[in-house]
Amino acid sequence: MAIERHEQNKVFSKVVEANGFVFTSGITANDNSLDVLGQTKQTLDEIDRLLALCGTDKSKVISSMIWVTDIRHRDAMNEAWFEWTGGQNMPVRACVEAALADPKLLVEIQVTAAK
C-alpha cells in the first residue's frame, strides 16, 4: 500500500493519503484573533485546500472530529459547518469540548475522506 504524506513538519503531516482515503491532522485557523465562527470558516477553507491537494473534496468526507474549547461555541461552529456542507453528504461526526494547544484557538477539526 502506498502512503503519501503532505506538508510534513517535525511533529506531523498535515494530510496523508493511504489506501484510497485522505486523513487530515487536526486543522485550526491561521488567525486566532477571530471569533469561533470566523475560525471555523477559516479552518474549513484549509480543509478544502488539503482535500483538493489530494484529489478529493468535502462531498467525500466520511468522518469528522471537532474540538471546541467551550461547548457553548457549538452553535456558532455549527453555523459555519452547515454553510460548508450545505446539508449535503453529511459525515459521521463527534464534537467535544477540549483544551487546545493555544488558548486563543477556539476550534480544531480533523476529517477523513474517500478519494
Protein backbone atom coordinates (compact mmCIF):
# COMPACT_ATOMS: atom_id res chain seq x y z
CA MET A 1 0.00 0.00 0.00
CA ALA A 2 1.37 3.40 -0.99
CA ILE A 3 1.28 6.16 1.59
CA GLU A 4 1.73 9.81 0.61
CA ARG A 5 2.42 12.39 3.28
CA HIS A 6 1.94 16.08 2.52
CA GLU A 7 3.14 19.21 4.32
CA GLN A 8 5.19 17.44 6.95
CA ASN A 9 6.95 19.10 9.84
CA LYS A 10 8.93 17.69 12.78
CA VAL A 11 5.78 16.53 14.56
CA PHE A 12 3.16 15.51 11.97
CA SER A 13 1.94 15.58 8.37
CA LYS A 14 -0.92 17.96 7.67
CA VAL A 15 -2.60 15.42 5.37
CA VAL A 16 -1.90 11.78 4.47
CA GLU A 17 -3.22 9.65 1.59
CA ALA A 18 -3.42 5.87 2.04
CA ASN A 19 -5.46 3.04 0.55
CA GLY A 20 -7.98 5.34 -1.17
CA PHE A 21 -8.51 7.54 1.88
CA VAL A 22 -7.36 11.02 2.89
CA PHE A 23 -6.70 11.83 6.55
CA THR A 24 -6.13 15.38 7.77
CA SER A 25 -4.46 16.28 11.01
CA GLY A 26 -6.37 18.49 13.40
CA ILE A 27 -6.73 21.72 11.44
CA THR A 28 -7.02 25.12 13.09
CA ALA A 29 -7.42 28.70 11.91
CA ASN A 30 -4.39 30.78 10.95
CA ASP A 31 -5.90 33.88 12.53
CA ASN A 32 -6.66 33.11 16.16
CA SER A 33 -7.97 36.64 16.76
CA LEU A 34 -11.23 35.67 15.02
CA ASP A 35 -14.33 34.52 16.88
CA VAL A 36 -15.37 30.87 16.70
CA LEU A 37 -17.46 31.44 13.55
CA GLY A 38 -14.52 33.06 11.76
CA GLN A 39 -12.05 30.45 12.98
CA THR A 40 -14.34 27.63 11.86
CA LYS A 41 -14.76 29.14 8.39
CA GLN A 42 -11.00 29.59 8.05
CA THR A 43 -10.42 26.02 9.26
CA LEU A 44 -12.92 24.60 6.76
CA ASP A 45 -11.31 26.60 3.94
CA GLU A 46 -7.98 24.98 4.84
CA ILE A 47 -9.62 21.55 4.88
CA ASP A 48 -10.99 22.27 1.38
CA ARG A 49 -7.46 23.13 0.24
CA LEU A 50 -5.95 19.96 1.73
CA LEU A 51 -8.66 17.72 0.27
CA ALA A 52 -8.15 19.28 -3.18
CA LEU A 53 -4.39 18.74 -2.83
CA CYS A 54 -5.19 15.03 -2.55
CA GLY A 55 -7.74 14.94 -5.37
CA THR A 56 -10.92 14.82 -3.32
CA ASP A 57 -13.43 17.24 -1.76
CA LYS A 58 -15.85 17.74 1.11
CA SER A 59 -18.57 15.68 -0.61
CA LYS A 60 -16.44 12.61 0.13
CA VAL A 61 -15.79 13.31 3.81
CA ILE A 62 -16.68 10.18 5.77
CA SER A 63 -16.00 11.26 9.33
CA SER A 64 -15.06 14.32 11.30
CA MET A 65 -13.84 15.02 14.79
CA ILE A 66 -14.37 18.54 16.11
CA TRP A 67 -12.90 20.01 19.27
CA VAL A 68 -14.21 23.29 20.71
CA THR A 69 -12.71 24.99 23.75
CA ASP A 70 -16.16 25.72 25.13
CA ILE A 71 -19.16 23.58 24.20
CA ARG A 72 -21.22 26.79 24.20
CA HIS A 73 -19.34 27.63 20.95
CA ARG A 74 -21.03 24.68 19.26
CA ASP A 75 -23.90 26.71 17.76
CA ALA A 76 -21.57 29.25 16.12
CA MET A 77 -19.29 26.45 14.91
CA ASN A 78 -22.33 24.61 13.51
CA GLU A 79 -23.38 27.75 11.61
CA ALA A 80 -20.12 27.59 9.64
CA TRP A 81 -20.35 23.78 9.39
CA PHE A 82 -23.87 23.92 7.90
CA GLU A 83 -22.79 26.63 5.45
CA TRP A 84 -19.79 24.48 4.44
CA THR A 85 -21.73 21.23 3.98
CA GLY A 86 -24.90 22.79 2.60
CA GLY A 87 -26.71 19.96 4.41
CA GLN A 88 -25.34 17.54 1.81
CA ASN A 89 -23.21 14.39 2.19
CA MET A 90 -23.11 14.62 5.97
CA PRO A 91 -20.29 12.58 7.55
CA VAL A 92 -20.38 10.88 10.91
CA ARG A 93 -19.20 13.43 13.43
CA ALA A 94 -18.22 13.96 17.03
CA CYS A 95 -17.91 17.35 18.70
CA VAL A 96 -16.33 17.58 22.13
CA GLU A 97 -15.08 20.27 24.46
CA ALA A 98 -11.30 20.24 24.93
CA ALA A 99 -8.38 22.50 25.78
CA LEU A 100 -6.36 23.23 22.63
CA ALA A 101 -2.60 23.82 22.34
CA ASP A 102 -3.01 27.60 22.02
CA PRO A 103 -5.59 29.19 24.34
CA LYS A 104 -6.58 31.64 21.57
CA LEU A 105 -7.69 28.77 19.33
CA LEU A 106 -11.40 28.05 19.69
CA VAL A 107 -11.94 25.13 17.28
CA GLU A 108 -9.95 22.29 15.70
CA ILE A 109 -11.31 19.93 13.04
CA GLN A 110 -9.99 16.63 11.65
CA VAL A 111 -11.60 14.82 8.71
CA THR A 112 -11.23 11.55 6.88
CA ALA A 113 -12.39 11.42 3.25
CA ALA A 114 -12.55 8.92 0.42
CA LYS A 115 -10.59 9.70 -2.76
